[in-house]
Amino acid sequence: MRLTRPILTATAAAAVLALTGCGSGGDGDDKAAVPATASGSLEHLAAEVGCKPTIQIDADELRQASCRKSDADGKFILATFATDRGQREWINGAKDYGGHYLVGRKWVAVGETTKTVSALRATLGGDVEEGQDHSAHSGSH
């Protein structure tokens, strides 16, 4: 299955909205030591953080799954990409919808909160990126 740019953006937006809605729900930045950035398949990355992925998209360009860790770190979306460009297009499209992103080489984890992303970063490494904050836009979500 080939995914077009509009489809990649739509799947990115759906992933973020499924997790975050409009609000941001972080409660601080963890400054713990960050390990070297992990790499590997979606299943390998999921195993590293102790979750069994529920595959949502299984295509040549993008594999995406939802995960919930057994501890209290919350749920998150994990996606792997065939190309760096595909990954960046997905992230850029998703950021318009808010969210907290942990970005590695050809993978991204989207967490419900900053705490979730920080906990994942302690195992997977990577760089934290933030989407737009929609909490100031309207009184109801």
N, C-alpha and C. Protein backbone atom coordinates (compact mmCIF):
# COMPACT_ATOMS: atom_id res chain seq x y z
N MET A 1 0.84 -1.17 0.00
CA MET A 1 0.00 0.00 0.00
C MET A 1 0.89 1.24 0.00
N ARG A 2 0.62 2.20 -0.88
CA ARG A 2 1.35 3.45 -0.91
C ARG A 2 0.50 4.54 -0.28
N LEU A 3 1.10 5.37 0.52
CA LEU A 3 0.38 6.46 1.15
C LEU A 3 0.79 7.78 0.52
N THR A 4 -0.16 8.61 0.21
CA THR A 4 0.13 9.92 -0.35
C THR A 4 0.33 10.92 0.77
N ARG A 5 0.86 12.08 0.43
CA ARG A 5 1.12 13.11 1.43
C ARG A 5 -0.14 13.50 2.20
N PRO A 6 -1.29 13.74 1.51
CA PRO A 6 -2.50 14.07 2.28
C PRO A 6 -2.92 12.95 3.23
N ILE A 7 -2.73 11.71 2.83
CA ILE A 7 -3.08 10.60 3.71
C ILE A 7 -2.13 10.55 4.90
N LEU A 8 -0.84 10.78 4.68
CA LEU A 8 0.11 10.81 5.79
C LEU A 8 -0.26 11.90 6.79
N THR A 9 -0.61 13.07 6.28
CA THR A 9 -1.00 14.17 7.17
C THR A 9 -2.27 13.82 7.93
N ALA A 10 -3.23 13.24 7.24
CA ALA A 10 -4.47 12.86 7.91
C ALA A 10 -4.24 11.81 8.99
N THR A 11 -3.39 10.83 8.74
CA THR A 11 -3.13 9.81 9.76
C THR A 11 -2.37 10.41 10.93
N ALA A 12 -1.48 11.35 10.66
CA ALA A 12 -0.76 12.02 11.73
C ALA A 12 -1.73 12.80 12.60
N ALA A 13 -2.63 13.54 11.96
CA ALA A 13 -3.61 14.33 12.70
C ALA A 13 -4.52 13.44 13.53
N ALA A 14 -4.97 12.34 12.95
CA ALA A 14 -5.84 11.42 13.67
C ALA A 14 -5.13 10.83 14.89
N ALA A 15 -3.86 10.51 14.74
CA ALA A 15 -3.09 9.95 15.85
C ALA A 15 -3.00 10.94 17.00
N VAL A 16 -2.70 12.19 16.67
CA VAL A 16 -2.57 13.20 17.71
C VAL A 16 -3.91 13.47 18.39
N LEU A 17 -4.96 13.63 17.59
CA LEU A 17 -6.27 13.92 18.17
C LEU A 17 -6.76 12.77 19.03
N ALA A 18 -6.45 11.55 18.66
CA ALA A 18 -6.87 10.40 19.44
C ALA A 18 -6.24 10.42 20.83
N LEU A 19 -5.05 10.98 20.91
CA LEU A 19 -4.36 11.01 22.19
C LEU A 19 -4.61 12.28 22.99
N THR A 20 -4.57 13.43 22.32
CA THR A 20 -4.47 14.67 23.06
C THR A 20 -5.68 15.55 23.05
N GLY A 21 -6.60 15.38 22.14
CA GLY A 21 -7.68 16.35 22.04
C GLY A 21 -7.11 17.71 21.76
N CYS A 22 -7.65 18.76 22.36
CA CYS A 22 -7.16 20.11 22.12
C CYS A 22 -6.18 20.56 23.18
N GLY A 23 -6.26 20.03 24.37
CA GLY A 23 -5.48 20.54 25.48
C GLY A 23 -4.10 19.95 25.56
N SER A 24 -3.24 20.63 26.32
CA SER A 24 -1.93 20.07 26.61
C SER A 24 -1.95 19.67 28.08
N GLY A 25 -1.35 18.52 28.40
CA GLY A 25 -1.49 18.03 29.76
C GLY A 25 -0.19 17.69 30.43
N GLY A 26 0.86 18.40 30.16
CA GLY A 26 2.14 18.08 30.76
C GLY A 26 2.25 18.61 32.16
N ASP A 27 3.18 18.01 32.92
CA ASP A 27 3.40 18.51 34.26
C ASP A 27 4.88 18.61 34.57
N GLY A 28 5.68 19.08 33.59
CA GLY A 28 7.07 19.33 33.88
C GLY A 28 8.00 18.66 32.91
N ASP A 29 9.25 19.07 32.99
CA ASP A 29 10.30 18.52 32.14
C ASP A 29 11.23 17.67 32.97
N ASP A 30 11.46 16.44 32.53
CA ASP A 30 12.43 15.59 33.19
C ASP A 30 13.79 15.87 32.58
N LYS A 31 14.79 16.09 33.43
CA LYS A 31 16.13 16.41 32.96
C LYS A 31 17.07 15.22 33.15
N ALA A 32 16.54 14.01 33.20
CA ALA A 32 17.34 12.82 33.40
C ALA A 32 18.28 12.60 32.22
N ALA A 33 19.31 11.82 32.45
CA ALA A 33 20.25 11.49 31.39
C ALA A 33 19.51 10.79 30.25
N VAL A 34 19.84 11.18 29.02
CA VAL A 34 19.17 10.62 27.85
C VAL A 34 20.09 9.59 27.20
N PRO A 35 19.60 8.37 26.99
CA PRO A 35 20.44 7.35 26.35
C PRO A 35 20.59 7.62 24.85
N ALA A 36 21.47 6.89 24.21
CA ALA A 36 21.61 6.97 22.76
C ALA A 36 20.27 6.65 22.12
N THR A 37 19.97 7.32 21.02
CA THR A 37 18.67 7.12 20.37
C THR A 37 18.54 5.71 19.82
N ALA A 38 17.45 5.08 20.16
CA ALA A 38 17.17 3.71 19.72
C ALA A 38 16.87 3.68 18.23
N SER A 39 16.97 2.50 17.65
CA SER A 39 16.58 2.30 16.26
C SER A 39 16.00 0.90 16.14
N GLY A 40 15.35 0.65 15.02
CA GLY A 40 14.80 -0.67 14.79
C GLY A 40 13.36 -0.62 14.32
N SER A 41 12.77 -1.79 14.24
CA SER A 41 11.40 -1.92 13.78
C SER A 41 10.42 -1.39 14.83
N LEU A 42 9.19 -1.21 14.43
CA LEU A 42 8.15 -0.78 15.35
C LEU A 42 8.05 -1.76 16.52
N GLU A 43 8.06 -3.05 16.22
CA GLU A 43 7.96 -4.07 17.27
C GLU A 43 9.16 -4.01 18.22
N HIS A 44 10.36 -3.77 17.67
CA HIS A 44 11.56 -3.68 18.50
C HIS A 44 11.47 -2.48 19.45
N LEU A 45 11.08 -1.33 18.91
CA LEU A 45 10.97 -0.13 19.74
C LEU A 45 9.91 -0.32 20.82
N ALA A 46 8.78 -0.92 20.45
CA ALA A 46 7.72 -1.18 21.43
C ALA A 46 8.22 -2.10 22.54
N ALA A 47 8.96 -3.14 22.17
CA ALA A 47 9.51 -4.06 23.16
C ALA A 47 10.49 -3.35 24.10
N GLU A 48 11.24 -2.41 23.57
CA GLU A 48 12.19 -1.64 24.39
C GLU A 48 11.50 -0.91 25.54
N VAL A 49 10.29 -0.42 25.27
CA VAL A 49 9.57 0.34 26.30
C VAL A 49 8.50 -0.50 27.02
N GLY A 50 8.43 -1.77 26.69
CA GLY A 50 7.54 -2.67 27.41
C GLY A 50 6.08 -2.59 27.04
N CYS A 51 5.79 -2.43 25.75
CA CYS A 51 4.38 -2.46 25.35
C CYS A 51 4.19 -3.40 24.18
N LYS A 52 2.98 -3.92 24.07
CA LYS A 52 2.61 -4.74 22.92
C LYS A 52 1.83 -3.84 21.98
N PRO A 53 2.38 -3.54 20.79
CA PRO A 53 1.73 -2.58 19.91
C PRO A 53 0.46 -3.14 19.26
N THR A 54 -0.54 -2.29 19.14
CA THR A 54 -1.76 -2.60 18.39
C THR A 54 -1.63 -1.87 17.06
N ILE A 55 -1.34 -2.61 16.00
CA ILE A 55 -1.06 -2.02 14.69
C ILE A 55 -2.31 -1.34 14.14
N GLN A 56 -2.15 -0.09 13.72
CA GLN A 56 -3.23 0.69 13.12
C GLN A 56 -3.01 0.88 11.61
N ILE A 57 -1.76 1.07 11.21
CA ILE A 57 -1.40 1.24 9.80
C ILE A 57 -0.18 0.38 9.52
N ASP A 58 -0.25 -0.41 8.46
CA ASP A 58 0.87 -1.26 8.08
C ASP A 58 1.09 -1.08 6.58
N ALA A 59 1.87 -0.06 6.22
CA ALA A 59 2.13 0.27 4.82
C ALA A 59 3.63 0.35 4.59
N ASP A 60 4.03 0.39 3.34
CA ASP A 60 5.46 0.47 3.01
C ASP A 60 6.11 1.71 3.60
N GLU A 61 5.42 2.86 3.53
CA GLU A 61 6.00 4.13 3.96
C GLU A 61 5.85 4.40 5.45
N LEU A 62 4.84 3.79 6.07
CA LEU A 62 4.50 4.11 7.46
C LEU A 62 3.91 2.90 8.15
N ARG A 63 4.39 2.63 9.35
CA ARG A 63 3.77 1.64 10.23
C ARG A 63 3.44 2.39 11.51
N GLN A 64 2.21 2.27 11.96
CA GLN A 64 1.76 3.00 13.13
C GLN A 64 0.98 2.07 14.05
N ALA A 65 1.22 2.24 15.35
CA ALA A 65 0.53 1.41 16.35
C ALA A 65 0.23 2.24 17.58
N SER A 66 -0.79 1.83 18.30
CA SER A 66 -1.06 2.42 19.60
C SER A 66 -0.43 1.50 20.65
N CYS A 67 0.01 2.12 21.73
CA CYS A 67 0.65 1.37 22.80
C CYS A 67 0.16 1.89 24.14
N ARG A 68 0.13 1.00 25.10
CA ARG A 68 -0.09 1.38 26.49
C ARG A 68 0.89 0.57 27.32
N LYS A 69 1.70 1.31 28.05
CA LYS A 69 2.65 0.62 28.92
C LYS A 69 1.91 0.06 30.12
N SER A 70 2.46 -0.99 30.68
CA SER A 70 1.82 -1.63 31.82
C SER A 70 1.86 -0.76 33.08
N ASP A 71 2.81 0.17 33.13
CA ASP A 71 2.87 1.06 34.30
C ASP A 71 2.03 2.31 34.03
N ALA A 72 2.22 3.34 34.79
CA ALA A 72 1.35 4.52 34.73
C ALA A 72 1.83 5.58 33.75
N ASP A 73 2.67 5.24 32.77
CA ASP A 73 3.20 6.25 31.86
C ASP A 73 2.21 6.67 30.78
N GLY A 74 1.07 6.04 30.70
CA GLY A 74 0.05 6.46 29.75
C GLY A 74 0.15 5.77 28.41
N LYS A 75 -0.77 6.17 27.53
CA LYS A 75 -0.77 5.57 26.21
C LYS A 75 -0.08 6.51 25.23
N PHE A 76 0.35 5.92 24.11
CA PHE A 76 1.06 6.70 23.11
C PHE A 76 0.94 6.03 21.76
N ILE A 77 1.24 6.79 20.72
CA ILE A 77 1.29 6.28 19.35
C ILE A 77 2.76 6.12 19.00
N LEU A 78 3.09 5.02 18.36
CA LEU A 78 4.44 4.76 17.89
C LEU A 78 4.36 4.57 16.39
N ALA A 79 5.19 5.29 15.64
CA ALA A 79 5.19 5.18 14.19
C ALA A 79 6.62 5.07 13.68
N THR A 80 6.80 4.23 12.67
CA THR A 80 8.10 4.11 11.99
C THR A 80 7.89 4.46 10.53
N PHE A 81 8.94 4.96 9.89
CA PHE A 81 8.87 5.49 8.54
C PHE A 81 9.95 4.90 7.66
N ALA A 82 9.64 4.78 6.37
CA ALA A 82 10.62 4.27 5.40
C ALA A 82 11.68 5.32 5.08
N THR A 83 11.31 6.61 5.14
CA THR A 83 12.25 7.68 4.78
C THR A 83 12.23 8.79 5.81
N ASP A 84 13.32 9.53 5.88
CA ASP A 84 13.40 10.70 6.75
C ASP A 84 12.38 11.75 6.31
N ARG A 85 12.24 11.92 5.00
CA ARG A 85 11.30 12.92 4.47
C ARG A 85 9.86 12.58 4.87
N GLY A 86 9.47 11.32 4.74
CA GLY A 86 8.14 10.90 5.13
C GLY A 86 7.89 11.16 6.61
N GLN A 87 8.89 10.90 7.43
CA GLN A 87 8.78 11.15 8.86
C GLN A 87 8.57 12.64 9.12
N ARG A 88 9.37 13.50 8.50
CA ARG A 88 9.27 14.94 8.74
C ARG A 88 7.92 15.48 8.26
N GLU A 89 7.42 15.00 7.13
CA GLU A 89 6.10 15.43 6.64
C GLU A 89 5.00 15.03 7.62
N TRP A 90 5.10 13.82 8.16
CA TRP A 90 4.11 13.34 9.13
C TRP A 90 4.14 14.22 10.37
N ILE A 91 5.32 14.47 10.90
CA ILE A 91 5.46 15.28 12.12
C ILE A 91 4.94 16.70 11.87
N ASN A 92 5.35 17.30 10.75
CA ASN A 92 4.92 18.67 10.46
C ASN A 92 3.41 18.76 10.35
N GLY A 93 2.77 17.77 9.74
CA GLY A 93 1.31 17.76 9.65
C GLY A 93 0.65 17.55 11.00
N ALA A 94 1.24 16.69 11.80
CA ALA A 94 0.65 16.36 13.11
C ALA A 94 0.79 17.51 14.10
N LYS A 95 1.86 18.25 14.05
CA LYS A 95 2.10 19.31 15.02
C LYS A 95 1.03 20.39 15.02
N ASP A 96 0.34 20.55 13.90
CA ASP A 96 -0.75 21.52 13.85
C ASP A 96 -1.87 21.17 14.82
N TYR A 97 -1.92 19.92 15.25
CA TYR A 97 -2.98 19.44 16.13
C TYR A 97 -2.53 19.31 17.58
N GLY A 98 -1.35 19.83 17.89
CA GLY A 98 -0.83 19.76 19.24
C GLY A 98 -0.09 18.46 19.48
N GLY A 99 0.13 18.12 20.72
CA GLY A 99 0.78 16.86 21.06
C GLY A 99 2.20 17.02 21.53
N HIS A 100 2.73 15.92 22.03
CA HIS A 100 4.09 15.84 22.55
C HIS A 100 4.78 14.72 21.79
N TYR A 101 5.92 15.02 21.18
CA TYR A 101 6.58 14.10 20.25
C TYR A 101 7.98 13.75 20.73
N LEU A 102 8.29 12.48 20.63
CA LEU A 102 9.65 12.01 20.84
C LEU A 102 10.11 11.52 19.48
N VAL A 103 11.17 12.11 18.97
CA VAL A 103 11.59 11.87 17.60
C VAL A 103 12.96 11.20 17.56
N GLY A 104 13.02 10.06 16.87
CA GLY A 104 14.28 9.37 16.62
C GLY A 104 14.48 9.24 15.13
N ARG A 105 15.49 8.49 14.72
CA ARG A 105 15.77 8.30 13.29
C ARG A 105 14.73 7.37 12.69
N LYS A 106 13.84 7.91 11.89
CA LYS A 106 12.78 7.19 11.19
C LYS A 106 11.72 6.60 12.13
N TRP A 107 11.56 7.19 13.31
CA TRP A 107 10.47 6.81 14.20
C TRP A 107 10.03 8.02 15.02
N VAL A 108 8.81 7.96 15.51
CA VAL A 108 8.28 8.99 16.40
C VAL A 108 7.30 8.33 17.37
N ALA A 109 7.32 8.83 18.59
CA ALA A 109 6.33 8.43 19.60
C ALA A 109 5.55 9.70 19.96
N VAL A 110 4.24 9.60 19.98
CA VAL A 110 3.37 10.73 20.32
C VAL A 110 2.68 10.39 21.63
N GLY A 111 2.96 11.18 22.65
CA GLY A 111 2.41 10.90 23.96
C GLY A 111 1.27 11.82 24.34
N GLU A 112 0.46 11.36 25.29
CA GLU A 112 -0.64 12.17 25.81
C GLU A 112 -0.13 13.38 26.58
N THR A 113 0.99 13.19 27.26
CA THR A 113 1.52 14.25 28.12
C THR A 113 3.04 14.32 27.98
N THR A 114 3.59 15.41 28.49
CA THR A 114 5.04 15.56 28.54
C THR A 114 5.64 14.44 29.40
N LYS A 115 4.94 14.06 30.46
CA LYS A 115 5.43 12.99 31.34
C LYS A 115 5.59 11.68 30.57
N THR A 116 4.62 11.35 29.72
CA THR A 116 4.70 10.13 28.92
C THR A 116 5.91 10.17 28.01
N VAL A 117 6.09 11.28 27.31
CA VAL A 117 7.22 11.41 26.38
C VAL A 117 8.55 11.36 27.14
N SER A 118 8.61 11.98 28.30
CA SER A 118 9.84 11.95 29.10
C SER A 118 10.18 10.54 29.55
N ALA A 119 9.16 9.78 29.95
CA ALA A 119 9.39 8.39 30.36
C ALA A 119 9.89 7.56 29.18
N LEU A 120 9.31 7.76 28.00
CA LEU A 120 9.77 7.03 26.81
C LEU A 120 11.19 7.43 26.45
N ARG A 121 11.50 8.70 26.58
CA ARG A 121 12.83 9.21 26.24
C ARG A 121 13.91 8.58 27.12
N ALA A 122 13.57 8.28 28.37
CA ALA A 122 14.53 7.66 29.27
C ALA A 122 15.00 6.30 28.77
N THR A 123 14.19 5.65 27.94
CA THR A 123 14.54 4.35 27.36
C THR A 123 15.00 4.47 25.91
N LEU A 124 14.26 5.25 25.11
CA LEU A 124 14.51 5.30 23.67
C LEU A 124 15.46 6.40 23.22
N GLY A 125 15.75 7.37 24.10
CA GLY A 125 16.54 8.52 23.66
C GLY A 125 15.67 9.38 22.74
N GLY A 126 16.30 10.09 21.83
CA GLY A 126 15.56 10.92 20.89
C GLY A 126 15.43 12.36 21.34
N ASP A 127 14.75 13.15 20.50
CA ASP A 127 14.56 14.57 20.75
C ASP A 127 13.07 14.86 20.97
N VAL A 128 12.78 15.73 21.92
CA VAL A 128 11.40 16.10 22.21
C VAL A 128 11.02 17.30 21.36
N GLU A 129 9.85 17.21 20.74
CA GLU A 129 9.27 18.31 19.99
C GLU A 129 7.84 18.49 20.47
N GLU A 130 7.35 19.72 20.42
CA GLU A 130 5.99 20.03 20.87
C GLU A 130 5.16 20.54 19.70
N GLY A 131 3.90 20.14 19.68
CA GLY A 131 2.96 20.67 18.70
C GLY A 131 2.39 21.98 19.18
N GLN A 132 1.49 22.55 18.39
CA GLN A 132 0.84 23.80 18.78
C GLN A 132 0.01 23.58 20.03
N ASP A 133 0.01 24.59 20.90
CA ASP A 133 -0.80 24.54 22.11
C ASP A 133 -2.17 25.12 21.80
N HIS A 134 -3.21 24.28 21.86
CA HIS A 134 -4.56 24.72 21.56
C HIS A 134 -5.35 25.06 22.82
N SER A 135 -4.72 25.04 23.96
CA SER A 135 -5.47 25.24 25.21
C SER A 135 -6.03 26.64 25.35
N ALA A 136 -5.47 27.62 24.65
CA ALA A 136 -5.94 28.99 24.78
C ALA A 136 -6.97 29.37 23.72
N HIS A 137 -7.32 28.46 22.83
CA HIS A 137 -8.19 28.81 21.71
C HIS A 137 -9.66 28.91 22.03
N SER A 138 -10.21 27.98 22.73
CA SER A 138 -11.64 28.06 23.04
C SER A 138 -11.89 27.52 24.44
N GLY A 139 -13.02 27.89 24.98
CA GLY A 139 -13.34 27.48 26.33
C GLY A 139 -13.81 26.05 26.43
N SER A 140 -14.27 25.44 25.34
CA SER A 140 -14.74 24.07 25.41
C SER A 140 -14.01 23.21 24.40
N HIS A 141 -13.77 21.96 24.77
CA HIS A 141 -13.06 21.02 23.90
C HIS A 141 -13.86 19.78 23.70
